[in-house]
């Protein structure tokens, strides 16, 4: 029988260091420890203290969820809690999220987790989702990237689908590189297989999209074309896993016509497919 052993703390730290493209010397200088000490930790010759694990994790920008895994591998109890957003202890944060989403009306805004799962949305988003043909895509848990690029989702209504697709996949690819998250990797593979207008994808090179150029989403809503640009907001200094993995995606009109259309849509309380 083959025995599978969990990775050691040294191996995990080495993997994160290599993922961040740090040499041992780079990380040792950042953490203000000796390279020899770090080498001993990675090789298993030295067992790091709880404080050392957290120090190295901080300098490696390891996500809070994975910091707990590092602590467990080193023989220590996890220190970061993972509570649902509805937990009473997160009432203030939940209130802030609801306030931001509501206050962003009549423009679309959503809250998502680390896997792009929809956690909350304002009324503007609900109105736009009337375009989605496949009800299964709207059945929780809803993945907003799948919803955007699936041929039975919003994709048929996105006029610059090739450009928008390249932008979203570039963001997701960067997340996969920085987190080594298997779920995100599987999502990237799935989305990459969706049909798309090949001639449109050639209009923008992915490195250009990765460079941070603002890419609008041009969405056909009946006889109207909405041109929307998005911004991402995260909590500044979270010590809770749920909040550390949460992001707010807020969309703004890229032109006056879009602003007027969204205000009119909100006033009518309906969407037009």
C-alpha atoms as a PDB file:
ATOM      1  CA  UNK A   1       0.000   0.000   0.000  1.00  0.00           C
ATOM      2  CA  UNK A   2       1.322   3.454  -0.946  1.00  0.00           C
ATOM      3  CA  UNK A   3       1.416   5.998   1.853  1.00  0.00           C
ATOM      4  CA  UNK A   4       0.882   9.651   1.001  1.00  0.00           C
ATOM      5  CA  UNK A   5       2.421  12.145   3.403  1.00  0.00           C
ATOM      6  CA  UNK A   6       1.350  15.753   3.736  1.00  0.00           C
ATOM      7  CA  UNK A   7       3.981  18.245   2.590  1.00  0.00           C
ATOM      8  CA  UNK A   8       6.309  19.465   5.320  1.00  0.00           C
ATOM      9  CA  UNK A   9       6.393  23.086   6.423  1.00  0.00           C
ATOM     10  CA  UNK A  10       9.791  23.441   4.779  1.00  0.00           C
ATOM     11  CA  UNK A  11       8.521  22.136   1.440  1.00  0.00           C
ATOM     12  CA  UNK A  12       5.444  24.370   1.561  1.00  0.00           C
ATOM     13  CA  UNK A  13       7.502  27.476   2.315  1.00  0.00           C
ATOM     14  CA  UNK A  14       9.896  26.605  -0.484  1.00  0.00           C
ATOM     15  CA  UNK A  15       6.979  26.183  -2.907  1.00  0.00           C
ATOM     16  CA  UNK A  16       5.579  29.607  -1.976  1.00  0.00           C
ATOM     17  CA  UNK A  17       9.025  31.193  -2.242  1.00  0.00           C
ATOM     18  CA  UNK A  18       9.521  29.752  -5.713  1.00  0.00           C
ATOM     19  CA  UNK A  19       6.013  30.767  -6.740  1.00  0.00           C
ATOM     20  CA  UNK A  20       6.876  34.340  -5.762  1.00  0.00           C
ATOM     21  CA  UNK A  21      10.194  33.994  -7.629  1.00  0.00           C
ATOM     22  CA  UNK A  22      12.277  34.774  -4.569  1.00  0.00           C
ATOM     23  CA  UNK A  23      15.697  33.291  -4.024  1.00  0.00           C
ATOM     24  CA  UNK A  24      16.525  32.151  -0.500  1.00  0.00           C
ATOM     25  CA  UNK A  25      18.704  35.225  -0.181  1.00  0.00           C
ATOM     26  CA  UNK A  26      15.881  37.520  -1.346  1.00  0.00           C
ATOM     27  CA  UNK A  27      13.452  36.159   1.230  1.00  0.00           C
ATOM     28  CA  UNK A  28      16.035  36.089   3.998  1.00  0.00           C
ATOM     29  CA  UNK A  29      16.814  39.760   3.413  1.00  0.00           C
ATOM     30  CA  UNK A  30      13.117  40.662   3.302  1.00  0.00           C
ATOM     31  CA  UNK A  31      12.407  38.806   6.553  1.00  0.00           C
ATOM     32  CA  UNK A  32      15.664  39.975   8.171  1.00  0.00           C
ATOM     33  CA  UNK A  33      16.853  36.472   8.996  1.00  0.00           C
ATOM     34  CA  UNK A  34      19.941  34.607   7.888  1.00  0.00           C
ATOM     35  CA  UNK A  35      19.908  32.672   4.640  1.00  0.00           C
ATOM     36  CA  UNK A  36      21.334  29.710   6.550  1.00  0.00           C
ATOM     37  CA  UNK A  37      18.377  29.726   8.947  1.00  0.00           C
ATOM     38  CA  UNK A  38      15.931  29.804   6.041  1.00  0.00           C
ATOM     39  CA  UNK A  39      17.814  26.987   4.323  1.00  0.00           C
ATOM     40  CA  UNK A  40      17.597  24.875   7.473  1.00  0.00           C
ATOM     41  CA  UNK A  41      13.830  25.517   7.704  1.00  0.00           C
ATOM     42  CA  UNK A  42      13.233  24.533   4.085  1.00  0.00           C
ATOM     43  CA  UNK A  43      15.357  21.414   4.347  1.00  0.00           C
ATOM     44  CA  UNK A  44      13.668  20.299   7.556  1.00  0.00           C
ATOM     45  CA  UNK A  45      16.790  20.638   9.675  1.00  0.00           C
ATOM     46  CA  UNK A  46      15.161  23.379  11.736  1.00  0.00           C
ATOM     47  CA  UNK A  47      11.543  23.654  12.938  1.00  0.00           C
ATOM     48  CA  UNK A  48      10.308  27.225  12.629  1.00  0.00           C
ATOM     49  CA  UNK A  49       8.474  28.913  15.471  1.00  0.00           C
ATOM     50  CA  UNK A  50       4.880  29.982  15.037  1.00  0.00           C
ATOM     51  CA  UNK A  51       6.054  33.589  14.753  1.00  0.00           C
ATOM     52  CA  UNK A  52       8.600  32.640  12.073  1.00  0.00           C
ATOM     53  CA  UNK A  53       5.954  30.869   9.995  1.00  0.00           C
ATOM     54  CA  UNK A  54       3.740  33.952  10.114  1.00  0.00           C
ATOM     55  CA  UNK A  55       6.663  36.263   9.365  1.00  0.00           C
ATOM     56  CA  UNK A  56       7.693  34.327   6.262  1.00  0.00           C
ATOM     57  CA  UNK A  57       4.070  33.984   5.151  1.00  0.00           C
ATOM     58  CA  UNK A  58       3.646  37.758   5.435  1.00  0.00           C
ATOM     59  CA  UNK A  59       6.687  38.486   3.267  1.00  0.00           C
ATOM     60  CA  UNK A  60       5.559  35.872   0.742  1.00  0.00           C
ATOM     61  CA  UNK A  61       2.052  37.398   0.610  1.00  0.00           C
ATOM     62  CA  UNK A  62       0.516  34.008   1.344  1.00  0.00           C
ATOM     63  CA  UNK A  63      -3.323  34.176   1.492  1.00  0.00           C
ATOM     64  CA  UNK A  64      -4.767  33.839   4.995  1.00  0.00           C
ATOM     65  CA  UNK A  65      -6.372  30.482   4.245  1.00  0.00           C
ATOM     66  CA  UNK A  66      -3.002  29.099   3.185  1.00  0.00           C
ATOM     67  CA  UNK A  67      -1.280  30.632   6.201  1.00  0.00           C
ATOM     68  CA  UNK A  68      -3.462  28.399   8.341  1.00  0.00           C
ATOM     69  CA  UNK A  69      -2.256  25.439   6.272  1.00  0.00           C
ATOM     70  CA  UNK A  70       1.353  26.477   6.877  1.00  0.00           C
ATOM     71  CA  UNK A  71       0.746  26.678  10.611  1.00  0.00           C
ATOM     72  CA  UNK A  72      -0.849  23.228  10.653  1.00  0.00           C
ATOM     73  CA  UNK A  73       2.073  21.783   8.702  1.00  0.00           C
ATOM     74  CA  UNK A  74       4.437  23.259  11.299  1.00  0.00           C
ATOM     75  CA  UNK A  75       2.424  21.757  14.151  1.00  0.00           C
ATOM     76  CA  UNK A  76       0.579  24.880  15.291  1.00  0.00           C
ATOM     77  CA  UNK A  77      -3.092  25.752  15.526  1.00  0.00           C
ATOM     78  CA  UNK A  78      -4.602  27.987  12.821  1.00  0.00           C
ATOM     79  CA  UNK A  79      -5.033  31.631  13.810  1.00  0.00           C
ATOM     80  CA  UNK A  80      -7.328  32.964  11.088  1.00  0.00           C
ATOM     81  CA  UNK A  81     -11.063  32.353  11.294  1.00  0.00           C
ATOM     82  CA  UNK A  82     -13.282  31.558   8.306  1.00  0.00           C
ATOM     83  CA  UNK A  83     -16.816  32.667   9.068  1.00  0.00           C
ATOM     84  CA  UNK A  84     -19.760  33.025   6.682  1.00  0.00           C
ATOM     85  CA  UNK A  85     -20.584  36.577   5.716  1.00  0.00           C
ATOM     86  CA  UNK A  86     -23.892  36.245   7.585  1.00  0.00           C
ATOM     87  CA  UNK A  87     -22.079  35.511  10.876  1.00  0.00           C
ATOM     88  CA  UNK A  88     -23.072  38.071  13.572  1.00  0.00           C
ATOM     89  CA  UNK A  89     -19.409  38.886  14.163  1.00  0.00           C
ATOM     90  CA  UNK A  90     -19.169  40.195  10.585  1.00  0.00           C
ATOM     91  CA  UNK A  91     -22.272  42.350  10.890  1.00  0.00           C
ATOM     92  CA  UNK A  92     -20.352  45.609  10.462  1.00  0.00           C
ATOM     93  CA  UNK A  93     -18.518  44.346   7.374  1.00  0.00           C
ATOM     94  CA  UNK A  94     -21.728  42.928   5.884  1.00  0.00           C
ATOM     95  CA  UNK A  95     -23.433  46.264   6.511  1.00  0.00           C
ATOM     96  CA  UNK A  96     -20.614  48.097   4.731  1.00  0.00           C
ATOM     97  CA  UNK A  97     -20.884  45.759   1.739  1.00  0.00           C
ATOM     98  CA  UNK A  98     -24.659  46.190   1.513  1.00  0.00           C
ATOM     99  CA  UNK A  99     -24.231  49.962   1.802  1.00  0.00           C
ATOM    100  CA  UNK A 100     -21.701  50.065  -1.043  1.00  0.00           C
ATOM    101  CA  UNK A 101     -23.813  47.869  -3.314  1.00  0.00           C
ATOM    102  CA  UNK A 102     -26.983  49.811  -2.631  1.00  0.00           C
ATOM    103  CA  UNK A 103     -25.226  53.175  -2.851  1.00  0.00           C
ATOM    104  CA  UNK A 104     -23.808  52.302  -6.262  1.00  0.00           C
ATOM    105  CA  UNK A 105     -27.293  52.120  -7.802  1.00  0.00           C
ATOM    106  CA  UNK A 106     -28.305  52.561 -10.557  1.00  0.00           C
ATOM    107  CA  UNK A 107     -24.948  51.194 -11.689  1.00  0.00           C
ATOM    108  CA  UNK A 108     -24.137  47.463 -11.351  1.00  0.00           C
ATOM    109  CA  UNK A 109     -22.102  46.200  -8.374  1.00  0.00           C
ATOM    110  CA  UNK A 110     -21.396  42.728  -7.008  1.00  0.00           C
ATOM    111  CA  UNK A 111     -19.529  41.041  -4.159  1.00  0.00           C
ATOM    112  CA  UNK A 112     -17.545  37.896  -5.031  1.00  0.00           C
ATOM    113  CA  UNK A 113     -15.292  35.423  -3.244  1.00  0.00           C
ATOM    114  CA  UNK A 114     -11.870  34.122  -4.286  1.00  0.00           C
ATOM    115  CA  UNK A 115     -13.383  31.742  -6.837  1.00  0.00           C
ATOM    116  CA  UNK A 116     -15.575  34.443  -8.415  1.00  0.00           C
ATOM    117  CA  UNK A 117     -18.687  33.080  -6.730  1.00  0.00           C
ATOM    118  CA  UNK A 118     -21.447  35.674  -6.473  1.00  0.00           C
ATOM    119  CA  UNK A 119     -22.118  36.561  -2.828  1.00  0.00           C
ATOM    120  CA  UNK A 120     -24.304  39.634  -3.252  1.00  0.00           C
ATOM    121  CA  UNK A 121     -25.512  41.970  -5.994  1.00  0.00           C
ATOM    122  CA  UNK A 122     -27.497  45.162  -6.281  1.00  0.00           C
ATOM    123  CA  UNK A 123     -30.697  45.738  -8.223  1.00  0.00           C
ATOM    124  CA  UNK A 124     -28.895  46.927 -11.352  1.00  0.00           C
ATOM    125  CA  UNK A 125     -27.206  43.534 -11.690  1.00  0.00           C
ATOM    126  CA  UNK A 126     -30.495  41.707 -11.133  1.00  0.00           C
ATOM    127  CA  UNK A 127     -32.049  43.670 -13.993  1.00  0.00           C
ATOM    128  CA  UNK A 128     -29.176  42.847 -16.355  1.00  0.00           C
ATOM    129  CA  UNK A 129     -29.333  39.147 -15.497  1.00  0.00           C
ATOM    130  CA  UNK A 130     -32.741  39.005 -17.167  1.00  0.00           C
ATOM    131  CA  UNK A 131     -30.705  38.573 -20.359  1.00  0.00           C
ATOM    132  CA  UNK A 132     -29.389  35.142 -19.308  1.00  0.00           C
ATOM    133  CA  UNK A 133     -31.119  32.325 -21.199  1.00  0.00           C
ATOM    134  CA  UNK A 134     -29.926  29.336 -19.148  1.00  0.00           C
ATOM    135  CA  UNK A 135     -31.539  29.305 -15.700  1.00  0.00           C
ATOM    136  CA  UNK A 136     -28.931  26.794 -14.510  1.00  0.00           C
ATOM    137  CA  UNK A 137     -26.265  29.495 -14.763  1.00  0.00           C
ATOM    138  CA  UNK A 138     -28.270  31.527 -12.243  1.00  0.00           C
ATOM    139  CA  UNK A 139     -28.680  28.671  -9.790  1.00  0.00           C
ATOM    140  CA  UNK A 140     -26.470  29.203  -6.696  1.00  0.00           C
ATOM    141  CA  UNK A 141     -23.580  29.060  -6.428  1.00  0.00           C
ATOM    142  CA  UNK A 142     -23.316  31.450  -9.378  1.00  0.00           C
ATOM    143  CA  UNK A 143     -19.877  31.935 -10.893  1.00  0.00           C
ATOM    144  CA  UNK A 144     -19.730  35.391 -12.467  1.00  0.00           C
ATOM    145  CA  UNK A 145     -16.961  34.552 -14.939  1.00  0.00           C
ATOM    146  CA  UNK A 146     -18.884  31.536 -16.191  1.00  0.00           C
ATOM    147  CA  UNK A 147     -22.009  33.690 -16.349  1.00  0.00           C
ATOM    148  CA  UNK A 148     -20.162  36.294 -18.413  1.00  0.00           C
ATOM    149  CA  UNK A 149     -18.481  34.030 -20.964  1.00  0.00           C
ATOM    150  CA  UNK A 150     -20.848  31.073 -21.295  1.00  0.00           C
ATOM    151  CA  UNK A 151     -22.631  30.984 -24.676  1.00  0.00           C
ATOM    152  CA  UNK A 152     -25.964  30.715 -22.837  1.00  0.00           C
ATOM    153  CA  UNK A 153     -25.052  33.472 -20.400  1.00  0.00           C
ATOM    154  CA  UNK A 154     -24.209  37.089 -21.127  1.00  0.00           C
ATOM    155  CA  UNK A 155     -21.724  36.303 -23.906  1.00  0.00           C
ATOM    156  CA  UNK A 156     -24.207  36.690 -26.810  1.00  0.00           C
ATOM    157  CA  UNK A 157     -24.995  40.218 -25.614  1.00  0.00           C
ATOM    158  CA  UNK A 158     -21.375  41.378 -25.165  1.00  0.00           C
ATOM    159  CA  UNK A 159     -20.535  43.186 -28.385  1.00  0.00           C
ATOM    160  CA  UNK A 160     -16.770  43.206 -27.734  1.00  0.00           C
ATOM    161  CA  UNK A 161     -16.714  39.619 -26.491  1.00  0.00           C
ATOM    162  CA  UNK A 162     -13.230  38.871 -27.804  1.00  0.00           C
ATOM    163  CA  UNK A 163     -11.746  41.881 -26.049  1.00  0.00           C
ATOM    164  CA  UNK A 164     -13.705  41.357 -22.819  1.00  0.00           C
ATOM    165  CA  UNK A 165     -12.889  37.641 -22.793  1.00  0.00           C
ATOM    166  CA  UNK A 166      -9.162  38.340 -23.161  1.00  0.00           C
ATOM    167  CA  UNK A 167      -9.370  40.827 -20.289  1.00  0.00           C
ATOM    168  CA  UNK A 168     -11.159  38.402 -17.942  1.00  0.00           C
ATOM    169  CA  UNK A 169      -8.926  35.453 -18.797  1.00  0.00           C
ATOM    170  CA  UNK A 170      -5.829  37.598 -18.257  1.00  0.00           C
ATOM    171  CA  UNK A 171      -7.086  38.504 -14.762  1.00  0.00           C
ATOM    172  CA  UNK A 172      -7.905  34.893 -13.975  1.00  0.00           C
ATOM    173  CA  UNK A 173      -4.570  33.665 -15.325  1.00  0.00           C
ATOM    174  CA  UNK A 174      -2.771  36.127 -13.064  1.00  0.00           C
ATOM    175  CA  UNK A 175      -4.758  34.839 -10.080  1.00  0.00           C
ATOM    176  CA  UNK A 176      -3.815  31.264 -10.902  1.00  0.00           C
ATOM    177  CA  UNK A 177      -0.151  32.242 -11.113  1.00  0.00           C
ATOM    178  CA  UNK A 178      -0.202  34.104  -7.797  1.00  0.00           C
ATOM    179  CA  UNK A 179      -2.275  31.634  -5.769  1.00  0.00           C
ATOM    180  CA  UNK A 180      -1.677  28.201  -7.336  1.00  0.00           C
ATOM    181  CA  UNK A 181      -5.361  27.582  -6.609  1.00  0.00           C
ATOM    182  CA  UNK A 182      -6.528  24.371  -8.279  1.00  0.00           C
ATOM    183  CA  UNK A 183     -10.164  25.471  -8.458  1.00  0.00           C
ATOM    184  CA  UNK A 184      -9.172  28.654 -10.298  1.00  0.00           C
ATOM    185  CA  UNK A 185      -6.956  26.624 -12.607  1.00  0.00           C
ATOM    186  CA  UNK A 186      -9.866  24.335 -13.486  1.00  0.00           C
ATOM    187  CA  UNK A 187     -12.094  27.365 -14.061  1.00  0.00           C
ATOM    188  CA  UNK A 188      -9.505  28.885 -16.399  1.00  0.00           C
ATOM    189  CA  UNK A 189      -9.365  25.657 -18.419  1.00  0.00           C
ATOM    190  CA  UNK A 190     -13.161  25.540 -18.635  1.00  0.00           C
ATOM    191  CA  UNK A 191     -13.586  29.155 -19.716  1.00  0.00           C
ATOM    192  CA  UNK A 192     -10.783  28.884 -22.267  1.00  0.00           C
ATOM    193  CA  UNK A 193     -12.767  26.173 -24.053  1.00  0.00           C
ATOM    194  CA  UNK A 194     -15.890  28.271 -24.500  1.00  0.00           C
ATOM    195  CA  UNK A 195     -16.593  29.312 -28.106  1.00  0.00           C
ATOM    196  CA  UNK A 196     -15.638  32.871 -28.934  1.00  0.00           C
ATOM    197  CA  UNK A 197     -15.256  35.075 -32.027  1.00  0.00           C
ATOM    198  CA  UNK A 198     -11.722  34.267 -33.132  1.00  0.00           C
ATOM    199  CA  UNK A 199     -11.417  37.382 -35.259  1.00  0.00           C
ATOM    200  CA  UNK A 200     -12.278  39.572 -32.252  1.00  0.00           C
ATOM    201  CA  UNK A 201      -9.743  37.963 -29.936  1.00  0.00           C
ATOM    202  CA  UNK A 202      -6.994  38.999 -32.321  1.00  0.00           C
ATOM    203  CA  UNK A 203      -7.942  42.631 -31.842  1.00  0.00           C
ATOM    204  CA  UNK A 204      -6.192  42.787 -28.471  1.00  0.00           C
ATOM    205  CA  UNK A 205      -3.159  40.866 -27.297  1.00  0.00           C
ATOM    206  CA  UNK A 206      -3.459  39.385 -23.809  1.00  0.00           C
ATOM    207  CA  UNK A 207      -0.196  40.958 -22.568  1.00  0.00           C
ATOM    208  CA  UNK A 208      -1.768  44.326 -23.359  1.00  0.00           C
ATOM    209  CA  UNK A 209      -4.855  43.407 -21.340  1.00  0.00           C
ATOM    210  CA  UNK A 210      -2.623  42.283 -18.473  1.00  0.00           C
ATOM    211  CA  UNK A 211      -0.856  45.627 -18.490  1.00  0.00           C
ATOM    212  CA  UNK A 212      -3.843  47.236 -16.812  1.00  0.00           C
ATOM    213  CA  UNK A 213      -5.414  49.110 -19.744  1.00  0.00           C
ATOM    214  CA  UNK A 214      -9.056  49.889 -19.012  1.00  0.00           C
ATOM    215  CA  UNK A 215     -11.275  47.552 -21.020  1.00  0.00           C
ATOM    216  CA  UNK A 216     -14.993  48.418 -21.199  1.00  0.00           C
ATOM    217  CA  UNK A 217     -17.705  45.798 -21.427  1.00  0.00           C
ATOM    218  CA  UNK A 218     -20.091  46.734 -24.218  1.00  0.00           C
ATOM    219  CA  UNK A 219     -23.400  45.076 -23.430  1.00  0.00           C
ATOM    220  CA  UNK A 220     -26.385  45.082 -25.775  1.00  0.00           C
ATOM    221  CA  UNK A 221     -29.611  45.664 -23.867  1.00  0.00           C
ATOM    222  CA  UNK A 222     -32.475  45.763 -26.337  1.00  0.00           C
ATOM    223  CA  UNK A 223     -31.775  48.689 -28.654  1.00  0.00           C
ATOM    224  CA  UNK A 224     -29.281  50.182 -26.187  1.00  0.00           C
ATOM    225  CA  UNK A 225     -25.556  49.544 -25.886  1.00  0.00           C
ATOM    226  CA  UNK A 226     -24.195  49.875 -22.354  1.00  0.00           C
ATOM    227  CA  UNK A 227     -20.492  50.643 -22.116  1.00  0.00           C
ATOM    228  CA  UNK A 228     -19.229  49.802 -18.616  1.00  0.00           C
ATOM    229  CA  UNK A 229     -15.833  49.955 -16.959  1.00  0.00           C
ATOM    230  CA  UNK A 230     -15.136  48.152 -13.693  1.00  0.00           C
ATOM    231  CA  UNK A 231     -13.123  48.720 -10.551  1.00  0.00           C
ATOM    232  CA  UNK A 232     -12.225  46.246  -7.794  1.00  0.00           C
ATOM    233  CA  UNK A 233     -12.323  47.053  -4.075  1.00  0.00           C
ATOM    234  CA  UNK A 234     -10.962  44.813  -1.315  1.00  0.00           C
ATOM    235  CA  UNK A 235     -10.803  45.144   2.454  1.00  0.00           C
ATOM    236  CA  UNK A 236      -7.558  46.803   3.476  1.00  0.00           C
ATOM    237  CA  UNK A 237      -6.358  44.839   6.517  1.00  0.00           C
ATOM    238  CA  UNK A 238      -8.598  41.806   7.004  1.00  0.00           C
ATOM    239  CA  UNK A 239      -7.793  39.198   9.656  1.00  0.00           C
ATOM    240  CA  UNK A 240     -10.764  37.025   8.716  1.00  0.00           C
ATOM    241  CA  UNK A 241     -10.441  34.607   5.805  1.00  0.00           C
ATOM    242  CA  UNK A 242     -13.860  35.414   4.363  1.00  0.00           C
ATOM    243  CA  UNK A 243     -13.157  39.142   4.231  1.00  0.00           C
ATOM    244  CA  UNK A 244      -9.635  38.632   2.897  1.00  0.00           C
ATOM    245  CA  UNK A 245     -11.054  36.665  -0.029  1.00  0.00           C
ATOM    246  CA  UNK A 246     -13.923  39.034  -0.769  1.00  0.00           C
ATOM    247  CA  UNK A 247     -13.883  41.646  -3.517  1.00  0.00           C
ATOM    248  CA  UNK A 248     -16.391  44.232  -4.685  1.00  0.00           C
ATOM    249  CA  UNK A 249     -16.681  44.703  -8.436  1.00  0.00           C
ATOM    250  CA  UNK A 250     -18.334  48.024  -9.236  1.00  0.00           C
ATOM    251  CA  UNK A 251     -19.229  49.082 -12.772  1.00  0.00           C
ATOM    252  CA  UNK A 252     -19.342  52.676 -13.973  1.00  0.00           C
ATOM    253  CA  UNK A 253     -20.763  54.104 -17.192  1.00  0.00           C
ATOM    254  CA  UNK A 254     -18.076  54.831 -19.752  1.00  0.00           C
ATOM    255  CA  UNK A 255     -20.261  57.399 -21.508  1.00  0.00           C
ATOM    256  CA  UNK A 256     -23.262  59.644 -20.937  1.00  0.00           C
ATOM    257  CA  UNK A 257     -25.615  57.423 -22.949  1.00  0.00           C
ATOM    258  CA  UNK A 258     -24.891  54.471 -20.660  1.00  0.00           C
ATOM    259  CA  UNK A 259     -25.474  56.546 -17.527  1.00  0.00           C
ATOM    260  CA  UNK A 260     -28.795  57.795 -18.861  1.00  0.00           C
ATOM    261  CA  UNK A 261     -29.854  54.274 -19.895  1.00  0.00           C
ATOM    262  CA  UNK A 262     -29.078  52.805 -16.469  1.00  0.00           C
ATOM    263  CA  UNK A 263     -30.967  55.593 -14.703  1.00  0.00           C
ATOM    264  CA  UNK A 264     -33.949  55.017 -16.989  1.00  0.00           C
ATOM    265  CA  UNK A 265     -33.780  51.269 -16.434  1.00  0.00           C
ATOM    266  CA  UNK A 266     -33.787  51.745 -12.674  1.00  0.00           C
ATOM    267  CA  UNK A 267     -36.739  54.119 -12.901  1.00  0.00           C
ATOM    268  CA  UNK A 268     -38.731  51.625 -14.958  1.00  0.00           C
ATOM    269  CA  UNK A 269     -37.768  48.751 -12.676  1.00  0.00           C
ATOM    270  CA  UNK A 270     -37.350  46.333 -15.570  1.00  0.00           C
ATOM    271  CA  UNK A 271     -34.887  45.023 -18.101  1.00  0.00           C
ATOM    272  CA  UNK A 272     -35.267  44.525 -21.845  1.00  0.00           C
ATOM    273  CA  UNK A 273     -33.907  41.413 -23.510  1.00  0.00           C
END
